[in-house]
Amino acid sequence: MNTNGRSATKRPSTAEARELVTSGTGVTRMLALKDVEIPVSNTTDRLWLMEPTNDATTLQTTTTLTITTNVTAREFSSGTYSRSFRLDRIIFEPKAQ
């Protein structure tokens, strides 16, 4: 969500997307997106949950991260690419200003 409460989307450029092709036989560490701004987030931490007046069951989560593949039907049926992948972790690193 952006600061106005509307959904915000960021996708890699075509050139960046070409660099995101990996091998199924090894581990790959890659930068998927850079300069992504996340101006607001409605996540909580343990300190918030420790406050007796806060109730986690009433929270509505609106911050999500969606990851998709862009393998075409032709690429999939020919065996050129697969649509399945596994993620071990996603690391958000703050940008130095």
PDB file of N, CA and C in Angstrom:
ATOM      1  N   MET A   1       0.830  -1.181   0.000  1.00  0.00           N
ATOM      2  CA  MET A   1       0.000   0.000   0.000  1.00  0.00           C
ATOM      3  C   MET A   1       0.874   1.243   0.000  1.00  0.00           C
ATOM      4  N   ASN A   2       0.405   2.254  -0.692  1.00  0.00           N
ATOM      5  CA  ASN A   2       1.113   3.523  -0.623  1.00  0.00           C
ATOM      6  C   ASN A   2       0.509   4.360   0.509  1.00  0.00           C
ATOM      7  N   THR A   3       0.992   5.571   0.658  1.00  0.00           N
ATOM      8  CA  THR A   3       0.536   6.400   1.771  1.00  0.00           C
ATOM      9  C   THR A   3      -0.925   6.821   1.638  1.00  0.00           C
ATOM     10  N   ASN A   4      -1.516   6.697   0.450  1.00  0.00           N
ATOM     11  CA  ASN A   4      -2.929   7.022   0.244  1.00  0.00           C
ATOM     12  C   ASN A   4      -3.845   5.819   0.474  1.00  0.00           C
ATOM     13  N   GLY A   5      -3.270   4.662   0.831  1.00  0.00           N
ATOM     14  CA  GLY A   5      -4.058   3.460   1.058  1.00  0.00           C
ATOM     15  C   GLY A   5      -4.387   2.693  -0.200  1.00  0.00           C
ATOM     16  N   ARG A   6      -3.748   3.015  -1.292  1.00  0.00           N
ATOM     17  CA  ARG A   6      -3.978   2.308  -2.561  1.00  0.00           C
ATOM     18  C   ARG A   6      -2.861   1.297  -2.806  1.00  0.00           C
ATOM     19  N   SER A   7      -3.180   0.236  -3.538  1.00  0.00           N
ATOM     20  CA  SER A   7      -2.174  -0.773  -3.854  1.00  0.00           C
ATOM     21  C   SER A   7      -1.088  -0.181  -4.723  1.00  0.00           C
ATOM     22  N   ALA A   8       0.139  -0.562  -4.446  1.00  0.00           N
ATOM     23  CA  ALA A   8       1.286  -0.114  -5.227  1.00  0.00           C
ATOM     24  C   ALA A   8       1.985  -1.344  -5.789  1.00  0.00           C
ATOM     25  N   THR A   9       2.427  -1.266  -7.028  1.00  0.00           N
ATOM     26  CA  THR A   9       3.052  -2.397  -7.700  1.00  0.00           C
ATOM     27  C   THR A   9       4.391  -1.985  -8.283  1.00  0.00           C
ATOM     28  N   LYS A  10       5.350  -2.888  -8.221  1.00  0.00           N
ATOM     29  CA  LYS A  10       6.663  -2.659  -8.838  1.00  0.00           C
ATOM     30  C   LYS A  10       7.044  -3.939  -9.555  1.00  0.00           C
ATOM     31  N   ARG A  11       7.398  -3.811 -10.826  1.00  0.00           N
ATOM     32  CA  ARG A  11       7.828  -4.962 -11.616  1.00  0.00           C
ATOM     33  C   ARG A  11       9.181  -4.657 -12.237  1.00  0.00           C
ATOM     34  N   PRO A  12       9.995  -5.695 -12.436  1.00  0.00           N
ATOM     35  CA  PRO A  12      11.282  -5.447 -13.091  1.00  0.00           C
ATOM     36  C   PRO A  12      11.076  -5.108 -14.566  1.00  0.00           C
ATOM     37  N   SER A  13      12.019  -4.366 -15.130  1.00  0.00           N
ATOM     38  CA  SER A  13      11.953  -4.075 -16.564  1.00  0.00           C
ATOM     39  C   SER A  13      12.215  -5.360 -17.344  1.00  0.00           C
ATOM     40  N   THR A  14      11.980  -5.344 -18.640  1.00  0.00           N
ATOM     41  CA  THR A  14      12.212  -6.528 -19.475  1.00  0.00           C
ATOM     42  C   THR A  14      13.661  -6.967 -19.406  1.00  0.00           C
ATOM     43  N   ALA A  15      14.580  -6.009 -19.450  1.00  0.00           N
ATOM     44  CA  ALA A  15      16.002  -6.340 -19.376  1.00  0.00           C
ATOM     45  C   ALA A  15      16.348  -6.956 -18.026  1.00  0.00           C
ATOM     46  N   GLU A  16      15.793  -6.406 -16.946  1.00  0.00           N
ATOM     47  CA  GLU A  16      16.040  -6.961 -15.611  1.00  0.00           C
ATOM     48  C   GLU A  16      15.440  -8.355 -15.490  1.00  0.00           C
ATOM     49  N   ALA A  17      14.277  -8.570 -16.081  1.00  0.00           N
ATOM     50  CA  ALA A  17      13.607  -9.871 -15.997  1.00  0.00           C
ATOM     51  C   ALA A  17      14.417 -10.958 -16.695  1.00  0.00           C
ATOM     52  N   ARG A  18      15.103 -10.627 -17.770  1.00  0.00           N
ATOM     53  CA  ARG A  18      15.933 -11.619 -18.467  1.00  0.00           C
ATOM     54  C   ARG A  18      17.058 -12.123 -17.570  1.00  0.00           C
ATOM     55  N   GLU A  19      17.534 -11.275 -16.667  1.00  0.00           N
ATOM     56  CA  GLU A  19      18.617 -11.658 -15.769  1.00  0.00           C
ATOM     57  C   GLU A  19      18.132 -12.519 -14.610  1.00  0.00           C
ATOM     58  N   LEU A  20      16.827 -12.705 -14.474  1.00  0.00           N
ATOM     59  CA  LEU A  20      16.274 -13.468 -13.372  1.00  0.00           C
ATOM     60  C   LEU A  20      16.071 -14.942 -13.706  1.00  0.00           C
ATOM     61  N   VAL A  21      16.624 -15.413 -14.813  1.00  0.00           N
ATOM     62  CA  VAL A  21      16.531 -16.821 -15.189  1.00  0.00           C
ATOM     63  C   VAL A  21      17.596 -17.584 -14.406  1.00  0.00           C
ATOM     64  N   THR A  22      17.195 -18.665 -13.755  1.00  0.00           N
ATOM     65  CA  THR A  22      18.109 -19.433 -12.926  1.00  0.00           C
ATOM     66  C   THR A  22      18.185 -20.878 -13.386  1.00  0.00           C
ATOM     67  N   SER A  23      19.118 -21.608 -12.825  1.00  0.00           N
ATOM     68  CA  SER A  23      19.277 -23.029 -13.103  1.00  0.00           C
ATOM     69  C   SER A  23      18.577 -23.822 -12.013  1.00  0.00           C
ATOM     70  N   GLY A  24      17.983 -24.921 -12.381  1.00  0.00           N
ATOM     71  CA  GLY A  24      17.329 -25.772 -11.404  1.00  0.00           C
ATOM     72  C   GLY A  24      18.288 -26.684 -10.673  1.00  0.00           C
ATOM     73  N   THR A  25      19.566 -26.639 -11.008  1.00  0.00           N
ATOM     74  CA  THR A  25      20.530 -27.549 -10.394  1.00  0.00           C
ATOM     75  C   THR A  25      21.423 -26.872  -9.361  1.00  0.00           C
ATOM     76  N   GLY A  26      21.276 -25.584  -9.181  1.00  0.00           N
ATOM     77  CA  GLY A  26      22.138 -24.896  -8.228  1.00  0.00           C
ATOM     78  C   GLY A  26      21.407 -23.814  -7.467  1.00  0.00           C
ATOM     79  N   VAL A  27      22.091 -23.261  -6.496  1.00  0.00           N
ATOM     80  CA  VAL A  27      21.549 -22.179  -5.695  1.00  0.00           C
ATOM     81  C   VAL A  27      21.944 -20.856  -6.343  1.00  0.00           C
ATOM     82  N   THR A  28      20.994 -19.963  -6.464  1.00  0.00           N
ATOM     83  CA  THR A  28      21.241 -18.660  -7.076  1.00  0.00           C
ATOM     84  C   THR A  28      20.821 -17.572  -6.116  1.00  0.00           C
ATOM     85  N   ARG A  29      21.701 -16.611  -5.923  1.00  0.00           N
ATOM     86  CA  ARG A  29      21.339 -15.427  -5.133  1.00  0.00           C
ATOM     87  C   ARG A  29      21.262 -14.274  -6.113  1.00  0.00           C
ATOM     88  N   MET A  30      20.134 -13.561  -6.094  1.00  0.00           N
ATOM     89  CA  MET A  30      19.944 -12.511  -7.095  1.00  0.00           C
ATOM     90  C   MET A  30      19.251 -11.299  -6.515  1.00  0.00           C
ATOM     91  N   LEU A  31      19.449 -10.192  -7.164  1.00  0.00           N
ATOM     92  CA  LEU A  31      18.726  -8.968  -6.853  1.00  0.00           C
ATOM     93  C   LEU A  31      17.541  -8.908  -7.797  1.00  0.00           C
ATOM     94  N   ALA A  32      16.346  -9.020  -7.250  1.00  0.00           N
ATOM     95  CA  ALA A  32      15.148  -9.025  -8.086  1.00  0.00           C
ATOM     96  C   ALA A  32      14.687  -7.615  -8.411  1.00  0.00           C
ATOM     97  N   LEU A  33      14.682  -6.734  -7.440  1.00  0.00           N
ATOM     98  CA  LEU A  33      14.253  -5.348  -7.631  1.00  0.00           C
ATOM     99  C   LEU A  33      15.140  -4.433  -6.800  1.00  0.00           C
ATOM    100  N   LYS A  34      15.328  -3.229  -7.278  1.00  0.00           N
ATOM    101  CA  LYS A  34      16.077  -2.253  -6.496  1.00  0.00           C
ATOM    102  C   LYS A  34      15.302  -0.946  -6.455  1.00  0.00           C
ATOM    103  N   ASP A  35      15.608  -0.155  -5.484  1.00  0.00           N
ATOM    104  CA  ASP A  35      14.953   1.139  -5.292  1.00  0.00           C
ATOM    105  C   ASP A  35      13.440   1.005  -5.143  1.00  0.00           C
ATOM    106  N   VAL A  36      13.005  -0.015  -4.416  1.00  0.00           N
ATOM    107  CA  VAL A  36      11.585  -0.202  -4.130  1.00  0.00           C
ATOM    108  C   VAL A  36      11.271   0.555  -2.845  1.00  0.00           C
ATOM    109  N   GLU A  37      10.286   1.427  -2.917  1.00  0.00           N
ATOM    110  CA  GLU A  37       9.867   2.172  -1.736  1.00  0.00           C
ATOM    111  C   GLU A  37       8.656   1.510  -1.111  1.00  0.00           C
ATOM    112  N   ILE A  38       8.721   1.287   0.175  1.00  0.00           N
ATOM    113  CA  ILE A  38       7.594   0.768   0.926  1.00  0.00           C
ATOM    114  C   ILE A  38       7.273   1.836   1.967  1.00  0.00           C
ATOM    115  N   PRO A  39       6.430   2.802   1.606  1.00  0.00           N
ATOM    116  CA  PRO A  39       6.203   3.945   2.484  1.00  0.00           C
ATOM    117  C   PRO A  39       5.421   3.628   3.754  1.00  0.00           C
ATOM    118  N   VAL A  40       4.586   2.627   3.705  1.00  0.00           N
ATOM    119  CA  VAL A  40       3.801   2.258   4.886  1.00  0.00           C
ATOM    120  C   VAL A  40       3.709   0.745   4.979  1.00  0.00           C
ATOM    121  N   SER A  41       3.510   0.261   6.174  1.00  0.00           N
ATOM    122  CA  SER A  41       3.327  -1.164   6.386  1.00  0.00           C
ATOM    123  C   SER A  41       2.510  -1.348   7.654  1.00  0.00           C
ATOM    124  N   ASN A  42       1.650  -2.321   7.667  1.00  0.00           N
ATOM    125  CA  ASN A  42       0.824  -2.543   8.854  1.00  0.00           C
ATOM    126  C   ASN A  42       1.246  -3.817   9.582  1.00  0.00           C
ATOM    127  N   THR A  43       2.534  -4.026   9.695  1.00  0.00           N
ATOM    128  CA  THR A  43       3.022  -5.180  10.434  1.00  0.00           C
ATOM    129  C   THR A  43       3.177  -4.826  11.904  1.00  0.00           C
ATOM    130  N   THR A  44       3.234  -5.831  12.734  1.00  0.00           N
ATOM    131  CA  THR A  44       3.414  -5.622  14.167  1.00  0.00           C
ATOM    132  C   THR A  44       4.647  -6.381  14.628  1.00  0.00           C
ATOM    133  N   ASP A  45       5.127  -6.048  15.795  1.00  0.00           N
ATOM    134  CA  ASP A  45       6.252  -6.770  16.367  1.00  0.00           C
ATOM    135  C   ASP A  45       5.852  -7.341  17.727  1.00  0.00           C
ATOM    136  N   ARG A  46       6.767  -8.047  18.355  1.00  0.00           N
ATOM    137  CA  ARG A  46       6.449  -8.690  19.631  1.00  0.00           C
ATOM    138  C   ARG A  46       6.194  -7.665  20.733  1.00  0.00           C
ATOM    139  N   LEU A  47       6.863  -6.531  20.643  1.00  0.00           N
ATOM    140  CA  LEU A  47       6.646  -5.498  21.647  1.00  0.00           C
ATOM    141  C   LEU A  47       5.192  -5.010  21.617  1.00  0.00           C
ATOM    142  N   TRP A  48       4.654  -4.828  20.409  1.00  0.00           N
ATOM    143  CA  TRP A  48       3.249  -4.421  20.265  1.00  0.00           C
ATOM    144  C   TRP A  48       2.328  -5.499  20.827  1.00  0.00           C
ATOM    145  N   LEU A  49       2.645  -6.762  20.543  1.00  0.00           N
ATOM    146  CA  LEU A  49       1.796  -7.860  21.009  1.00  0.00           C
ATOM    147  C   LEU A  49       1.836  -8.035  22.525  1.00  0.00           C
ATOM    148  N   MET A  50       2.899  -7.579  23.167  1.00  0.00           N
ATOM    149  CA  MET A  50       3.009  -7.705  24.625  1.00  0.00           C
ATOM    150  C   MET A  50       2.078  -6.741  25.365  1.00  0.00           C
ATOM    151  N   GLU A  51       1.634  -5.695  24.712  1.00  0.00           N
ATOM    152  CA  GLU A  51       0.727  -4.737  25.346  1.00  0.00           C
ATOM    153  C   GLU A  51      -0.646  -5.389  25.499  1.00  0.00           C
ATOM    154  N   PRO A  52      -1.167  -5.497  26.707  1.00  0.00           N
ATOM    155  CA  PRO A  52      -2.443  -6.207  26.930  1.00  0.00           C
ATOM    156  C   PRO A  52      -3.633  -5.581  26.200  1.00  0.00           C
ATOM    157  N   THR A  53      -3.583  -4.303  25.891  1.00  0.00           N
ATOM    158  CA  THR A  53      -4.723  -3.673  25.209  1.00  0.00           C
ATOM    159  C   THR A  53      -4.738  -3.927  23.705  1.00  0.00           C
ATOM    160  N   ASN A  54      -3.657  -4.477  23.161  1.00  0.00           N
ATOM    161  CA  ASN A  54      -3.592  -4.764  21.727  1.00  0.00           C
ATOM    162  C   ASN A  54      -4.067  -6.184  21.466  1.00  0.00           C
ATOM    163  N   ASP A  55      -4.885  -6.349  20.444  1.00  0.00           N
ATOM    164  CA  ASP A  55      -5.463  -7.644  20.114  1.00  0.00           C
ATOM    165  C   ASP A  55      -5.118  -7.996  18.674  1.00  0.00           C
ATOM    166  N   ALA A  56      -4.280  -9.005  18.506  1.00  0.00           N
ATOM    167  CA  ALA A  56      -3.818  -9.387  17.165  1.00  0.00           C
ATOM    168  C   ALA A  56      -4.934  -9.950  16.292  1.00  0.00           C
ATOM    169  N   THR A  57      -6.013 -10.449  16.885  1.00  0.00           N
ATOM    170  CA  THR A  57      -7.093 -11.033  16.086  1.00  0.00           C
ATOM    171  C   THR A  57      -7.901  -9.971  15.347  1.00  0.00           C
ATOM    172  N   THR A  58      -7.766  -8.713  15.732  1.00  0.00           N
ATOM    173  CA  THR A  58      -8.524  -7.645  15.071  1.00  0.00           C
ATOM    174  C   THR A  58      -7.745  -6.979  13.942  1.00  0.00           C
ATOM    175  N   LEU A  59      -6.503  -7.410  13.730  1.00  0.00           N
ATOM    176  CA  LEU A  59      -5.677  -6.774  12.696  1.00  0.00           C
ATOM    177  C   LEU A  59      -6.053  -7.252  11.303  1.00  0.00           C
ATOM    178  N   GLN A  60      -6.049  -6.349  10.375  1.00  0.00           N
ATOM    179  CA  GLN A  60      -6.270  -6.693   8.978  1.00  0.00           C
ATOM    180  C   GLN A  60      -4.965  -6.433   8.232  1.00  0.00           C
ATOM    181  N   THR A  61      -4.407  -7.456   7.609  1.00  0.00           N
ATOM    182  CA  THR A  61      -3.147  -7.317   6.893  1.00  0.00           C
ATOM    183  C   THR A  61      -3.411  -6.816   5.483  1.00  0.00           C
ATOM    184  N   THR A  62      -2.778  -5.718   5.113  1.00  0.00           N
ATOM    185  CA  THR A  62      -2.924  -5.185   3.758  1.00  0.00           C
ATOM    186  C   THR A  62      -1.586  -5.129   3.026  1.00  0.00           C
ATOM    187  N   THR A  63      -0.497  -5.405   3.717  1.00  0.00           N
ATOM    188  CA  THR A  63       0.819  -5.394   3.083  1.00  0.00           C
ATOM    189  C   THR A  63       1.156  -6.808   2.644  1.00  0.00           C
ATOM    190  N   THR A  64       1.321  -7.003   1.355  1.00  0.00           N
ATOM    191  CA  THR A  64       1.641  -8.328   0.827  1.00  0.00           C
ATOM    192  C   THR A  64       2.743  -8.214  -0.215  1.00  0.00           C
ATOM    193  N   LEU A  65       3.416  -9.310  -0.437  1.00  0.00           N
ATOM    194  CA  LEU A  65       4.423  -9.430  -1.484  1.00  0.00           C
ATOM    195  C   LEU A  65       4.010 -10.597  -2.361  1.00  0.00           C
ATOM    196  N   THR A  66       3.808 -10.351  -3.639  1.00  0.00           N
ATOM    197  CA  THR A  66       3.389 -11.390  -4.571  1.00  0.00           C
ATOM    198  C   THR A  66       4.509 -11.640  -5.569  1.00  0.00           C
ATOM    199  N   ILE A  67       4.874 -12.895  -5.748  1.00  0.00           N
ATOM    200  CA  ILE A  67       5.922 -13.273  -6.695  1.00  0.00           C
ATOM    201  C   ILE A  67       5.304 -14.203  -7.722  1.00  0.00           C
ATOM    202  N   THR A  68       5.480 -13.886  -8.996  1.00  0.00           N
ATOM    203  CA  THR A  68       4.928 -14.716 -10.064  1.00  0.00           C
ATOM    204  C   THR A  68       6.001 -15.011 -11.106  1.00  0.00           C
ATOM    205  N   THR A  69       5.745 -15.999 -11.941  1.00  0.00           N
ATOM    206  CA  THR A  69       6.634 -16.291 -13.062  1.00  0.00           C
ATOM    207  C   THR A  69       5.996 -15.756 -14.340  1.00  0.00           C
ATOM    208  N   ASN A  70       6.802 -15.507 -15.331  1.00  0.00           N
ATOM    209  CA  ASN A  70       6.271 -15.048 -16.615  1.00  0.00           C
ATOM    210  C   ASN A  70       6.621 -16.031 -17.732  1.00  0.00           C
ATOM    211  N   VAL A  71       6.580 -17.317 -17.418  1.00  0.00           N
ATOM    212  CA  VAL A  71       6.845 -18.364 -18.402  1.00  0.00           C
ATOM    213  C   VAL A  71       5.608 -18.537 -19.271  1.00  0.00           C
ATOM    214  N   THR A  72       5.800 -18.434 -20.573  1.00  0.00           N
ATOM    215  CA  THR A  72       4.668 -18.571 -21.494  1.00  0.00           C
ATOM    216  C   THR A  72       4.263 -20.038 -21.634  1.00  0.00           C
ATOM    217  N   ALA A  73       3.079 -20.271 -22.164  1.00  0.00           N
ATOM    218  CA  ALA A  73       2.596 -21.636 -22.377  1.00  0.00           C
ATOM    219  C   ALA A  73       3.521 -22.393 -23.328  1.00  0.00           C
ATOM    220  N   ARG A  74       4.025 -21.717 -24.347  1.00  0.00           N
ATOM    221  CA  ARG A  74       4.932 -22.354 -25.311  1.00  0.00           C
ATOM    222  C   ARG A  74       6.249 -22.754 -24.638  1.00  0.00           C
ATOM    223  N   GLU A  75       6.811 -21.849 -23.809  1.00  0.00           N
ATOM    224  CA  GLU A  75       8.061 -22.156 -23.108  1.00  0.00           C
ATOM    225  C   GLU A  75       7.870 -23.308 -22.124  1.00  0.00           C
ATOM    226  N   PHE A  76       6.708 -23.350 -21.484  1.00  0.00           N
ATOM    227  CA  PHE A  76       6.421 -24.409 -20.520  1.00  0.00           C
ATOM    228  C   PHE A  76       6.224 -25.748 -21.227  1.00  0.00           C
ATOM    229  N   SER A  77       5.404 -25.783 -22.281  1.00  0.00           N
ATOM    230  CA  SER A  77       5.113 -27.049 -22.961  1.00  0.00           C
ATOM    231  C   SER A  77       6.324 -27.619 -23.692  1.00  0.00           C
ATOM    232  N   SER A  78       7.229 -26.736 -24.144  1.00  0.00           N
ATOM    233  CA  SER A  78       8.428 -27.225 -24.828  1.00  0.00           C
ATOM    234  C   SER A  78       9.506 -27.669 -23.848  1.00  0.00           C
ATOM    235  N   GLY A  79       9.327 -27.362 -22.584  1.00  0.00           N
ATOM    236  CA  GLY A  79      10.318 -27.746 -21.581  1.00  0.00           C
ATOM    237  C   GLY A  79      11.472 -26.761 -21.463  1.00  0.00           C
ATOM    238  N   THR A  80      11.357 -25.617 -22.149  1.00  0.00           N
ATOM    239  CA  THR A  80      12.407 -24.601 -22.069  1.00  0.00           C
ATOM    240  C   THR A  80      12.523 -24.067 -20.651  1.00  0.00           C
ATOM    241  N   TYR A  81      11.379 -23.756 -20.033  1.00  0.00           N
ATOM    242  CA  TYR A  81      11.342 -23.242 -18.668  1.00  0.00           C
ATOM    243  C   TYR A  81      10.273 -23.960 -17.877  1.00  0.00           C
ATOM    244  N   SER A  82      10.420 -23.927 -16.576  1.00  0.00           N
ATOM    245  CA  SER A  82       9.429 -24.477 -15.660  1.00  0.00           C
ATOM    246  C   SER A  82       8.754 -23.324 -14.932  1.00  0.00           C
ATOM    247  N   ARG A  83       7.537 -23.535 -14.482  1.00  0.00           N
ATOM    248  CA  ARG A  83       6.827 -22.490 -13.744  1.00  0.00           C
ATOM    249  C   ARG A  83       6.975 -22.648 -12.233  1.00  0.00           C
ATOM    250  N   SER A  84       7.665 -23.650 -11.806  1.00  0.00           N
ATOM    251  CA  SER A  84       7.828 -23.850 -10.363  1.00  0.00           C
ATOM    252  C   SER A  84       9.189 -23.320  -9.915  1.00  0.00           C
ATOM    253  N   PHE A  85       9.210 -22.797  -8.709  1.00  0.00           N
ATOM    254  CA  PHE A  85      10.462 -22.328  -8.123  1.00  0.00           C
ATOM    255  C   PHE A  85      10.336 -22.366  -6.617  1.00  0.00           C
ATOM    256  N   ARG A  86      11.469 -22.316  -5.962  1.00  0.00           N
ATOM    257  CA  ARG A  86      11.481 -22.337  -4.503  1.00  0.00           C
ATOM    258  C   ARG A  86      12.257 -21.147  -3.990  1.00  0.00           C
ATOM    259  N   LEU A  87      11.759 -20.557  -2.928  1.00  0.00           N
ATOM    260  CA  LEU A  87      12.438 -19.443  -2.277  1.00  0.00           C
ATOM    261  C   LEU A  87      12.901 -19.881  -0.902  1.00  0.00           C
ATOM    262  N   ASP A  88      14.130 -19.567  -0.597  1.00  0.00           N
ATOM    263  CA  ASP A  88      14.636 -19.858   0.732  1.00  0.00           C
ATOM    264  C   ASP A  88      14.402 -18.672   1.651  1.00  0.00           C
ATOM    265  N   ARG A  89      14.659 -17.468   1.153  1.00  0.00           N
ATOM    266  CA  ARG A  89      14.416 -16.274   1.947  1.00  0.00           C
ATOM    267  C   ARG A  89      14.405 -15.040   1.053  1.00  0.00           C
ATOM    268  N   ILE A  90      13.763 -14.039   1.562  1.00  0.00           N
ATOM    269  CA  ILE A  90      13.744 -12.717   0.913  1.00  0.00           C
ATOM    270  C   ILE A  90      14.351 -11.749   1.901  1.00  0.00           C
ATOM    271  N   ILE A  91      15.340 -11.020   1.453  1.00  0.00           N
ATOM    272  CA  ILE A  91      16.028 -10.069   2.327  1.00  0.00           C
ATOM    273  C   ILE A  91      15.745  -8.654   1.840  1.00  0.00           C
ATOM    274  N   PHE A  92      15.196  -7.839   2.715  1.00  0.00           N
ATOM    275  CA  PHE A  92      15.008  -6.420   2.432  1.00  0.00           C
ATOM    276  C   PHE A  92      16.162  -5.684   3.092  1.00  0.00           C
ATOM    277  N   GLU A  93      16.935  -4.979   2.307  1.00  0.00           N
ATOM    278  CA  GLU A  93      18.045  -4.217   2.838  1.00  0.00           C
ATOM    279  C   GLU A  93      17.759  -2.738   2.662  1.00  0.00           C
ATOM    280  N   PRO A  94      17.856  -1.951   3.726  1.00  0.00           N
ATOM    281  CA  PRO A  94      17.591  -0.518   3.580  1.00  0.00           C
ATOM    282  C   PRO A  94      18.653   0.148   2.731  1.00  0.00           C
ATOM    283  N   LYS A  95      18.214   1.110   2.001  1.00  0.00           N
ATOM    284  CA  LYS A  95      19.116   1.858   1.123  1.00  0.00           C
ATOM    285  C   LYS A  95      19.767   2.994   1.919  1.00  0.00           C
ATOM    286  N   ALA A  96      21.077   3.094   1.806  1.00  0.00           N
ATOM    287  CA  ALA A  96      21.781   4.187   2.474  1.00  0.00           C
ATOM    288  C   ALA A  96      21.443   5.499   1.778  1.00  0.00           C
ATOM    289  N   GLN A  97      21.186   6.542   2.588  1.00  0.00           N
ATOM    290  CA  GLN A  97      20.789   7.812   1.979  1.00  0.00           C
ATOM    291  C   GLN A  97      21.922   8.785   1.958  1.00  0.00           C
TER     292      GLN A  97
END
